Amino acid sequence: MKKKENPDSFIERKEEYHKEFEKYHSSKEYEGFWRNMRIKKFNVVDTEVNYRMMHHWGVNDLLPDGVIEGGAWRKFTLVELVWVKAIVRMRNAGISLDKIKLAKESLIKFDKKKESYPLLEFYIAQALSTQNDPCIIVISNGDTYLGSISEVKFDKIFKNHFDVLLLSLGSILTNLGFKVSEDIVSFLSEEEGVTLSELRSVTNKKVEVQLNRGKIFQIESTEVIQNPPSYLDIQKKIKNNRMYGKATFQAEDGETKSLEITKKKRFG
């Protein structure tokens, strides 16, 4: 029986990787950056994947832990959004659902204490802040890895007559509108990141920001939904999102025509 390769058989983690990984997750210098990375600020519409397909992937356990709660959709962090985009690319390349599930289990393990996916988050940060172009590495024997090009043992892969698919995290982020190779400490604070996300939302008609000594301490965002779903569905959404604010229905001739939702979020 052929001896199974160990988990890092096609990846060489240099000492520099371990230092940078530890520094990213523990240093105060990067706290504002990773806090911003963990904000649930993206909606299903940002994935450009229809609800039916998203449900199908959820049933097959391809989606990150924490995306669905209580049977209802939640918002996505940047890391979760990048993973969904990676699923799209893997499916386009013909990777099976079973292999993507195995990839998910090995690449995006959820740290409940930190509410993060440490490995993928680190490499996304690398893509955003360094000249490295980390990739999701899919090998034809079924193994998947995260790493920079310099960490991949291509000679060993090809010596074993395997094919390899590289999914650039920088390419995914660029397609999402991010600039890669930026200085990591120049990123927005949590408050600024949430505000920018609300301003960019296509569903919001108004966003109000309140300041205290030059810092954002409250955001109010208002969206209008035409022909809204049932009142029970709205209640479920409010409960699942733990929303603060108000919801106002507009009716004509005994029928609900629109719903205006004003959400409040405070910081501090």
C-alpha atoms as a PDB file:
ATOM      1  CA  MET A   1       0.000   0.000   0.000  1.00  0.00           C
ATOM      2  CA  LYS A   2       1.345   3.404  -0.998  1.00  0.00           C
ATOM      3  CA  LYS A   3       2.298   5.591   1.933  1.00  0.00           C
ATOM      4  CA  LYS A   4       0.041   8.632   2.206  1.00  0.00           C
ATOM      5  CA  GLU A   5       1.703  12.003   1.875  1.00  0.00           C
ATOM      6  CA  ASN A   6       1.758  14.097   5.038  1.00  0.00           C
ATOM      7  CA  PRO A   7      -0.426  17.252   5.060  1.00  0.00           C
ATOM      8  CA  ASP A   8       2.396  19.590   3.986  1.00  0.00           C
ATOM      9  CA  SER A   9       4.043  17.283   1.472  1.00  0.00           C
ATOM     10  CA  PHE A  10       3.627  19.729  -1.429  1.00  0.00           C
ATOM     11  CA  ILE A  11       4.089  22.918   0.608  1.00  0.00           C
ATOM     12  CA  GLU A  12       7.259  24.111   2.294  1.00  0.00           C
ATOM     13  CA  ARG A  13       6.544  26.465   5.186  1.00  0.00           C
ATOM     14  CA  LYS A  14       9.630  28.548   5.848  1.00  0.00           C
ATOM     15  CA  GLU A  15      10.455  30.022   9.247  1.00  0.00           C
ATOM     16  CA  GLU A  16       9.413  33.453   7.970  1.00  0.00           C
ATOM     17  CA  TYR A  17       5.865  32.164   7.428  1.00  0.00           C
ATOM     18  CA  HIS A  18       5.493  31.104  11.069  1.00  0.00           C
ATOM     19  CA  LYS A  19       6.806  34.468  12.286  1.00  0.00           C
ATOM     20  CA  GLU A  20       4.481  36.454  10.020  1.00  0.00           C
ATOM     21  CA  PHE A  21       1.487  34.269  10.876  1.00  0.00           C
ATOM     22  CA  GLU A  22       2.035  34.749  14.609  1.00  0.00           C
ATOM     23  CA  LYS A  23       2.676  38.474  14.191  1.00  0.00           C
ATOM     24  CA  TYR A  24      -0.492  38.998  12.172  1.00  0.00           C
ATOM     25  CA  HIS A  25      -2.745  37.278  14.704  1.00  0.00           C
ATOM     26  CA  SER A  26      -1.160  38.658  17.888  1.00  0.00           C
ATOM     27  CA  SER A  27       0.306  42.096  17.163  1.00  0.00           C
ATOM     28  CA  LYS A  28      -1.643  45.244  18.085  1.00  0.00           C
ATOM     29  CA  GLU A  29      -0.251  46.759  14.888  1.00  0.00           C
ATOM     30  CA  TYR A  30      -2.658  44.649  12.829  1.00  0.00           C
ATOM     31  CA  GLU A  31      -5.642  44.584  15.186  1.00  0.00           C
ATOM     32  CA  GLY A  32      -7.631  47.200  13.265  1.00  0.00           C
ATOM     33  CA  PHE A  33      -6.983  45.327  10.047  1.00  0.00           C
ATOM     34  CA  TRP A  34      -8.160  41.888  11.193  1.00  0.00           C
ATOM     35  CA  ARG A  35     -11.108  43.336  13.064  1.00  0.00           C
ATOM     36  CA  ASN A  36     -12.227  44.894   9.785  1.00  0.00           C
ATOM     37  CA  MET A  37     -11.716  41.542   8.040  1.00  0.00           C
ATOM     38  CA  ARG A  38     -14.153  39.874  10.464  1.00  0.00           C
ATOM     39  CA  ILE A  39     -17.078  42.284  10.113  1.00  0.00           C
ATOM     40  CA  LYS A  40     -20.212  40.748   8.591  1.00  0.00           C
ATOM     41  CA  LYS A  41     -20.710  43.455   5.975  1.00  0.00           C
ATOM     42  CA  PHE A  42     -21.371  41.615   2.693  1.00  0.00           C
ATOM     43  CA  ASN A  43     -24.735  40.284   1.508  1.00  0.00           C
ATOM     44  CA  VAL A  44     -25.630  37.323  -0.695  1.00  0.00           C
ATOM     45  CA  VAL A  45     -25.983  39.756  -3.610  1.00  0.00           C
ATOM     46  CA  ASP A  46     -22.252  40.550  -3.290  1.00  0.00           C
ATOM     47  CA  THR A  47     -21.424  36.906  -4.044  1.00  0.00           C
ATOM     48  CA  GLU A  48     -23.207  37.099  -7.430  1.00  0.00           C
ATOM     49  CA  VAL A  49     -24.433  33.563  -6.735  1.00  0.00           C
ATOM     50  CA  ASN A  50     -28.189  32.983  -6.876  1.00  0.00           C
ATOM     51  CA  TYR A  51     -30.053  31.819  -3.781  1.00  0.00           C
ATOM     52  CA  ARG A  52     -30.840  28.424  -5.258  1.00  0.00           C
ATOM     53  CA  MET A  53     -27.178  27.645  -5.916  1.00  0.00           C
ATOM     54  CA  MET A  54     -26.150  29.038  -2.543  1.00  0.00           C
ATOM     55  CA  HIS A  55     -28.688  26.767  -0.866  1.00  0.00           C
ATOM     56  CA  HIS A  56     -27.360  23.800  -2.856  1.00  0.00           C
ATOM     57  CA  TRP A  57     -23.820  24.525  -1.719  1.00  0.00           C
ATOM     58  CA  GLY A  58     -25.022  24.920   1.852  1.00  0.00           C
ATOM     59  CA  VAL A  59     -26.732  21.517   1.769  1.00  0.00           C
ATOM     60  CA  ASN A  60     -23.477  20.003   0.481  1.00  0.00           C
ATOM     61  CA  ASP A  61     -21.494  21.664   3.296  1.00  0.00           C
ATOM     62  CA  LEU A  62     -19.317  23.823   1.054  1.00  0.00           C
ATOM     63  CA  LEU A  63     -20.035  27.129   2.793  1.00  0.00           C
ATOM     64  CA  PRO A  64     -18.056  28.436   5.778  1.00  0.00           C
ATOM     65  CA  ASP A  65     -19.321  27.806   9.299  1.00  0.00           C
ATOM     66  CA  GLY A  66     -21.433  30.700  10.534  1.00  0.00           C
ATOM     67  CA  VAL A  67     -22.824  31.817   7.171  1.00  0.00           C
ATOM     68  CA  ILE A  68     -26.231  30.277   7.928  1.00  0.00           C
ATOM     69  CA  GLU A  69     -27.810  30.556  11.365  1.00  0.00           C
ATOM     70  CA  GLY A  70     -31.264  29.425  12.428  1.00  0.00           C
ATOM     71  CA  GLY A  71     -32.151  28.503   8.861  1.00  0.00           C
ATOM     72  CA  ALA A  72     -31.695  32.085   7.631  1.00  0.00           C
ATOM     73  CA  TRP A  73     -28.960  33.736   5.586  1.00  0.00           C
ATOM     74  CA  ARG A  74     -26.484  35.905   7.399  1.00  0.00           C
ATOM     75  CA  LYS A  75     -24.060  38.478   6.091  1.00  0.00           C
ATOM     76  CA  PHE A  76     -20.560  37.468   5.030  1.00  0.00           C
ATOM     77  CA  THR A  77     -17.128  38.544   6.201  1.00  0.00           C
ATOM     78  CA  LEU A  78     -14.530  39.299   3.546  1.00  0.00           C
ATOM     79  CA  VAL A  79     -12.927  35.893   4.180  1.00  0.00           C
ATOM     80  CA  GLU A  80     -16.265  34.116   3.686  1.00  0.00           C
ATOM     81  CA  LEU A  81     -16.968  36.110   0.529  1.00  0.00           C
ATOM     82  CA  VAL A  82     -13.550  35.222  -0.921  1.00  0.00           C
ATOM     83  CA  TRP A  83     -14.222  31.537  -0.224  1.00  0.00           C
ATOM     84  CA  VAL A  84     -17.566  31.672  -2.049  1.00  0.00           C
ATOM     85  CA  LYS A  85     -15.799  33.281  -5.015  1.00  0.00           C
ATOM     86  CA  ALA A  86     -13.214  30.489  -4.850  1.00  0.00           C
ATOM     87  CA  ILE A  87     -16.012  27.897  -4.981  1.00  0.00           C
ATOM     88  CA  VAL A  88     -17.285  29.543  -8.177  1.00  0.00           C
ATOM     89  CA  ARG A  89     -13.833  29.291  -9.756  1.00  0.00           C
ATOM     90  CA  MET A  90     -13.338  25.698  -8.652  1.00  0.00           C
ATOM     91  CA  ARG A  91     -16.704  24.682 -10.080  1.00  0.00           C
ATOM     92  CA  ASN A  92     -15.876  26.469 -13.339  1.00  0.00           C
ATOM     93  CA  ALA A  93     -12.669  24.425 -13.456  1.00  0.00           C
ATOM     94  CA  GLY A  94     -14.631  21.191 -13.037  1.00  0.00           C
ATOM     95  CA  ILE A  95     -13.742  20.462  -9.393  1.00  0.00           C
ATOM     96  CA  SER A  96     -16.373  18.180  -7.835  1.00  0.00           C
ATOM     97  CA  LEU A  97     -18.518  19.147  -4.846  1.00  0.00           C
ATOM     98  CA  ASP A  98     -16.918  16.377  -2.766  1.00  0.00           C
ATOM     99  CA  LYS A  99     -13.409  17.713  -3.412  1.00  0.00           C
ATOM    100  CA  ILE A 100     -14.496  21.276  -2.631  1.00  0.00           C
ATOM    101  CA  LYS A 101     -15.982  20.052   0.648  1.00  0.00           C
ATOM    102  CA  LEU A 102     -12.654  18.423   1.548  1.00  0.00           C
ATOM    103  CA  ALA A 103     -10.881  21.641   0.595  1.00  0.00           C
ATOM    104  CA  LYS A 104     -13.189  23.636   2.848  1.00  0.00           C
ATOM    105  CA  GLU A 105     -12.549  21.306   5.776  1.00  0.00           C
ATOM    106  CA  SER A 106      -8.781  21.666   5.469  1.00  0.00           C
ATOM    107  CA  LEU A 107      -8.415  25.324   4.450  1.00  0.00           C
ATOM    108  CA  ILE A 108     -11.038  27.312   6.348  1.00  0.00           C
ATOM    109  CA  LYS A 109     -11.264  25.823   9.811  1.00  0.00           C
ATOM    110  CA  PHE A 110     -13.300  28.155  12.015  1.00  0.00           C
ATOM    111  CA  ASP A 111     -11.819  29.458  15.277  1.00  0.00           C
ATOM    112  CA  LYS A 112     -14.900  30.049  17.428  1.00  0.00           C
ATOM    113  CA  LYS A 113     -12.997  31.980  20.073  1.00  0.00           C
ATOM    114  CA  LYS A 114     -11.661  34.525  17.582  1.00  0.00           C
ATOM    115  CA  GLU A 115     -14.610  34.163  15.191  1.00  0.00           C
ATOM    116  CA  SER A 116     -12.172  33.852  12.315  1.00  0.00           C
ATOM    117  CA  TYR A 117     -10.653  31.488   9.769  1.00  0.00           C
ATOM    118  CA  PRO A 118      -6.976  32.011  10.719  1.00  0.00           C
ATOM    119  CA  LEU A 119      -5.192  30.428   7.747  1.00  0.00           C
ATOM    120  CA  LEU A 120      -7.282  31.854   4.897  1.00  0.00           C
ATOM    121  CA  GLU A 121      -7.536  35.227   6.641  1.00  0.00           C
ATOM    122  CA  PHE A 122      -3.751  35.392   6.940  1.00  0.00           C
ATOM    123  CA  TYR A 123      -3.200  34.686   3.255  1.00  0.00           C
ATOM    124  CA  ILE A 124      -5.881  37.195   2.230  1.00  0.00           C
ATOM    125  CA  ALA A 125      -4.028  39.758   4.357  1.00  0.00           C
ATOM    126  CA  GLN A 126      -0.816  38.763   2.563  1.00  0.00           C
ATOM    127  CA  ALA A 127      -2.491  39.284  -0.810  1.00  0.00           C
ATOM    128  CA  LEU A 128      -3.769  42.704   0.240  1.00  0.00           C
ATOM    129  CA  SER A 129      -0.602  43.967   1.880  1.00  0.00           C
ATOM    130  CA  THR A 130       2.453  42.361   0.235  1.00  0.00           C
ATOM    131  CA  GLN A 131       3.897  41.628  -3.185  1.00  0.00           C
ATOM    132  CA  ASN A 132       3.147  37.932  -2.635  1.00  0.00           C
ATOM    133  CA  ASP A 133       0.269  36.447  -4.607  1.00  0.00           C
ATOM    134  CA  PRO A 134      -1.006  33.615  -2.397  1.00  0.00           C
ATOM    135  CA  CYS A 135      -3.097  30.925  -4.031  1.00  0.00           C
ATOM    136  CA  ILE A 136      -5.506  28.146  -3.304  1.00  0.00           C
ATOM    137  CA  ILE A 137      -3.611  25.170  -4.676  1.00  0.00           C
ATOM    138  CA  VAL A 138      -5.712  22.268  -5.947  1.00  0.00           C
ATOM    139  CA  ILE A 139      -3.800  19.115  -6.912  1.00  0.00           C
ATOM    140  CA  SER A 140      -5.300  16.370  -9.053  1.00  0.00           C
ATOM    141  CA  ASN A 141      -4.768  13.761  -6.320  1.00  0.00           C
ATOM    142  CA  GLY A 142      -7.403  15.606  -4.261  1.00  0.00           C
ATOM    143  CA  ASP A 143      -5.080  17.564  -1.957  1.00  0.00           C
ATOM    144  CA  THR A 144      -5.647  21.289  -1.497  1.00  0.00           C
ATOM    145  CA  TYR A 145      -3.424  23.885   0.141  1.00  0.00           C
ATOM    146  CA  LEU A 146      -3.071  27.585   0.813  1.00  0.00           C
ATOM    147  CA  GLY A 147       0.285  29.161   0.123  1.00  0.00           C
ATOM    148  CA  SER A 148       2.373  31.595  -1.846  1.00  0.00           C
ATOM    149  CA  ILE A 149       3.956  30.508  -5.117  1.00  0.00           C
ATOM    150  CA  SER A 150       7.379  30.315  -3.452  1.00  0.00           C
ATOM    151  CA  GLU A 151       6.035  27.758  -0.949  1.00  0.00           C
ATOM    152  CA  VAL A 152       4.737  25.297  -3.547  1.00  0.00           C
ATOM    153  CA  LYS A 153       6.940  22.285  -4.362  1.00  0.00           C
ATOM    154  CA  PHE A 154       6.165  22.194  -8.069  1.00  0.00           C
ATOM    155  CA  ASP A 155       9.008  19.775  -8.784  1.00  0.00           C
ATOM    156  CA  LYS A 156       7.485  17.226  -6.411  1.00  0.00           C
ATOM    157  CA  ILE A 157       3.994  17.724  -7.839  1.00  0.00           C
ATOM    158  CA  PHE A 158       5.120  17.169 -11.409  1.00  0.00           C
ATOM    159  CA  LYS A 159       7.463  14.330 -10.441  1.00  0.00           C
ATOM    160  CA  ASN A 160       4.353  12.500  -9.213  1.00  0.00           C
ATOM    161  CA  HIS A 161       2.623  13.276 -12.538  1.00  0.00           C
ATOM    162  CA  PHE A 162      -0.093  15.382 -10.903  1.00  0.00           C
ATOM    163  CA  ASP A 163      -1.857  18.365 -12.434  1.00  0.00           C
ATOM    164  CA  VAL A 164      -2.224  21.518 -10.367  1.00  0.00           C
ATOM    165  CA  LEU A 165      -4.781  24.346 -10.380  1.00  0.00           C
ATOM    166  CA  LEU A 166      -3.812  27.708  -8.870  1.00  0.00           C
ATOM    167  CA  LEU A 167      -6.534  30.137  -7.772  1.00  0.00           C
ATOM    168  CA  SER A 168      -5.034  33.570  -7.139  1.00  0.00           C
ATOM    169  CA  LEU A 169      -6.391  35.292  -4.026  1.00  0.00           C
ATOM    170  CA  GLY A 170      -5.125  38.580  -5.461  1.00  0.00           C
ATOM    171  CA  SER A 171      -7.213  38.030  -8.587  1.00  0.00           C
ATOM    172  CA  ILE A 172     -10.333  37.281  -6.533  1.00  0.00           C
ATOM    173  CA  LEU A 173      -9.796  40.387  -4.383  1.00  0.00           C
ATOM    174  CA  THR A 174      -9.131  42.571  -7.424  1.00  0.00           C
ATOM    175  CA  ASN A 175     -12.384  41.394  -9.006  1.00  0.00           C
ATOM    176  CA  LEU A 176     -14.144  42.356  -5.767  1.00  0.00           C
ATOM    177  CA  GLY A 177     -12.801  45.894  -6.136  1.00  0.00           C
ATOM    178  CA  PHE A 178      -9.909  45.736  -3.663  1.00  0.00           C
ATOM    179  CA  LYS A 179      -6.416  47.043  -4.294  1.00  0.00           C
ATOM    180  CA  VAL A 180      -3.780  44.435  -3.558  1.00  0.00           C
ATOM    181  CA  SER A 181      -0.216  45.013  -2.324  1.00  0.00           C
ATOM    182  CA  GLU A 182      -1.333  47.889  -0.068  1.00  0.00           C
ATOM    183  CA  ASP A 183       0.267  48.759   3.281  1.00  0.00           C
ATOM    184  CA  ILE A 184      -1.518  46.659   5.889  1.00  0.00           C
ATOM    185  CA  VAL A 185      -1.561  49.428   8.539  1.00  0.00           C
ATOM    186  CA  SER A 186      -3.278  51.885   6.186  1.00  0.00           C
ATOM    187  CA  PHE A 187      -6.560  49.987   6.261  1.00  0.00           C
ATOM    188  CA  LEU A 188      -9.749  51.491   7.632  1.00  0.00           C
ATOM    189  CA  SER A 189     -10.869  51.169  11.231  1.00  0.00           C
ATOM    190  CA  GLU A 190     -13.849  48.951  12.030  1.00  0.00           C
ATOM    191  CA  GLU A 191     -16.167  51.971  12.185  1.00  0.00           C
ATOM    192  CA  GLU A 192     -14.877  53.365   8.885  1.00  0.00           C
ATOM    193  CA  GLY A 193     -15.110  49.967   7.215  1.00  0.00           C
ATOM    194  CA  VAL A 194     -18.732  49.481   8.255  1.00  0.00           C
ATOM    195  CA  THR A 195     -19.610  53.024   7.156  1.00  0.00           C
ATOM    196  CA  LEU A 196     -18.020  52.539   3.735  1.00  0.00           C
ATOM    197  CA  SER A 197     -19.852  49.231   3.307  1.00  0.00           C
ATOM    198  CA  GLU A 198     -23.204  50.892   4.093  1.00  0.00           C
ATOM    199  CA  LEU A 199     -22.460  53.782   1.718  1.00  0.00           C
ATOM    200  CA  ARG A 200     -21.691  51.340  -1.092  1.00  0.00           C
ATOM    201  CA  SER A 201     -24.785  49.217  -0.513  1.00  0.00           C
ATOM    202  CA  VAL A 202     -27.085  49.471  -3.531  1.00  0.00           C
ATOM    203  CA  THR A 203     -30.155  48.928  -1.327  1.00  0.00           C
ATOM    204  CA  ASN A 204     -29.575  51.913   0.963  1.00  0.00           C
ATOM    205  CA  LYS A 205     -31.226  55.209   0.078  1.00  0.00           C
ATOM    206  CA  LYS A 206     -29.779  57.121   3.035  1.00  0.00           C
ATOM    207  CA  VAL A 207     -26.883  56.735   5.475  1.00  0.00           C
ATOM    208  CA  GLU A 208     -26.391  59.026   8.467  1.00  0.00           C
ATOM    209  CA  VAL A 209     -23.201  59.085  10.536  1.00  0.00           C
ATOM    210  CA  GLN A 210     -22.849  60.616  14.001  1.00  0.00           C
ATOM    211  CA  LEU A 211     -19.437  61.611  15.337  1.00  0.00           C
ATOM    212  CA  ASN A 212     -17.984  62.078  18.794  1.00  0.00           C
ATOM    213  CA  ARG A 213     -14.612  63.866  18.977  1.00  0.00           C
ATOM    214  CA  GLY A 214     -13.884  63.014  15.375  1.00  0.00           C
ATOM    215  CA  LYS A 215     -14.728  59.334  15.694  1.00  0.00           C
ATOM    216  CA  ILE A 216     -17.776  57.505  14.357  1.00  0.00           C
ATOM    217  CA  PHE A 217     -19.985  56.291  17.180  1.00  0.00           C
ATOM    218  CA  GLN A 218     -23.313  55.606  15.387  1.00  0.00           C
ATOM    219  CA  ILE A 219     -24.501  54.760  11.876  1.00  0.00           C
ATOM    220  CA  GLU A 220     -28.102  54.806  10.648  1.00  0.00           C
ATOM    221  CA  SER A 221     -28.782  53.250   7.257  1.00  0.00           C
ATOM    222  CA  THR A 222     -32.184  53.263   5.566  1.00  0.00           C
ATOM    223  CA  GLU A 223     -33.261  50.936   2.779  1.00  0.00           C
ATOM    224  CA  VAL A 224     -36.589  50.635   0.961  1.00  0.00           C
ATOM    225  CA  ILE A 225     -37.897  47.247  -0.167  1.00  0.00           C
ATOM    226  CA  GLN A 226     -40.602  47.244  -2.833  1.00  0.00           C
ATOM    227  CA  ASN A 227     -43.231  44.483  -2.599  1.00  0.00           C
ATOM    228  CA  PRO A 228     -41.681  43.159   0.621  1.00  0.00           C
ATOM    229  CA  PRO A 229     -42.016  39.572   1.873  1.00  0.00           C
ATOM    230  CA  SER A 230     -44.473  38.629   4.582  1.00  0.00           C
ATOM    231  CA  TYR A 231     -44.446  40.191   8.024  1.00  0.00           C
ATOM    232  CA  LEU A 232     -43.279  36.893   9.541  1.00  0.00           C
ATOM    233  CA  ASP A 233     -40.285  36.802   7.180  1.00  0.00           C
ATOM    234  CA  ILE A 234     -39.405  40.364   8.153  1.00  0.00           C
ATOM    235  CA  GLN A 235     -39.639  39.429  11.834  1.00  0.00           C
ATOM    236  CA  LYS A 236     -37.315  36.484  11.231  1.00  0.00           C
ATOM    237  CA  LYS A 237     -34.793  38.726   9.451  1.00  0.00           C
ATOM    238  CA  ILE A 238     -34.874  41.260  12.285  1.00  0.00           C
ATOM    239  CA  LYS A 239     -34.354  38.522  14.875  1.00  0.00           C
ATOM    240  CA  ASN A 240     -31.588  36.673  13.015  1.00  0.00           C
ATOM    241  CA  ASN A 241     -29.652  39.892  12.337  1.00  0.00           C
ATOM    242  CA  ARG A 242     -30.229  41.115  15.913  1.00  0.00           C
ATOM    243  CA  MET A 243     -31.266  44.417  14.401  1.00  0.00           C
ATOM    244  CA  TYR A 244     -31.723  47.717  16.212  1.00  0.00           C
ATOM    245  CA  GLY A 245     -33.906  50.314  14.519  1.00  0.00           C
ATOM    246  CA  LYS A 246     -37.374  50.526  13.004  1.00  0.00           C
ATOM    247  CA  ALA A 247     -39.391  49.040  10.152  1.00  0.00           C
ATOM    248  CA  THR A 248     -42.262  50.962   8.491  1.00  0.00           C
ATOM    249  CA  PHE A 249     -44.748  49.447   6.030  1.00  0.00           C
ATOM    250  CA  GLN A 250     -46.452  51.545   3.332  1.00  0.00           C
ATOM    251  CA  ALA A 251     -49.841  50.284   2.099  1.00  0.00           C
ATOM    252  CA  GLU A 252     -52.153  51.098  -0.833  1.00  0.00           C
ATOM    253  CA  ASP A 253     -55.672  49.749  -1.340  1.00  0.00           C
ATOM    254  CA  GLY A 254     -55.184  47.305   1.507  1.00  0.00           C
ATOM    255  CA  GLU A 255     -51.938  45.863   0.125  1.00  0.00           C
ATOM    256  CA  THR A 256     -48.392  46.319   1.381  1.00  0.00           C
ATOM    257  CA  LYS A 257     -46.416  48.135  -1.310  1.00  0.00           C
ATOM    258  CA  SER A 258     -43.101  48.891   0.350  1.00  0.00           C
ATOM    259  CA  LEU A 259     -41.103  48.513   3.527  1.00  0.00           C
ATOM    260  CA  GLU A 260     -38.639  51.056   4.891  1.00  0.00           C
ATOM    261  CA  ILE A 261     -36.042  49.667   7.294  1.00  0.00           C
ATOM    262  CA  THR A 262     -33.778  51.947   9.314  1.00  0.00           C
ATOM    263  CA  LYS A 263     -30.941  50.109  11.059  1.00  0.00           C
ATOM    264  CA  LYS A 264     -28.809  51.557  13.834  1.00  0.00           C
ATOM    265  CA  LYS A 265     -25.323  50.454  14.830  1.00  0.00           C
ATOM    266  CA  ARG A 266     -23.312  51.959  17.666  1.00  0.00           C
ATOM    267  CA  PHE A 267     -19.612  51.642  18.405  1.00  0.00           C
ATOM    268  CA  GLY A 268     -17.668  52.063  21.573  1.00  0.00           C
END
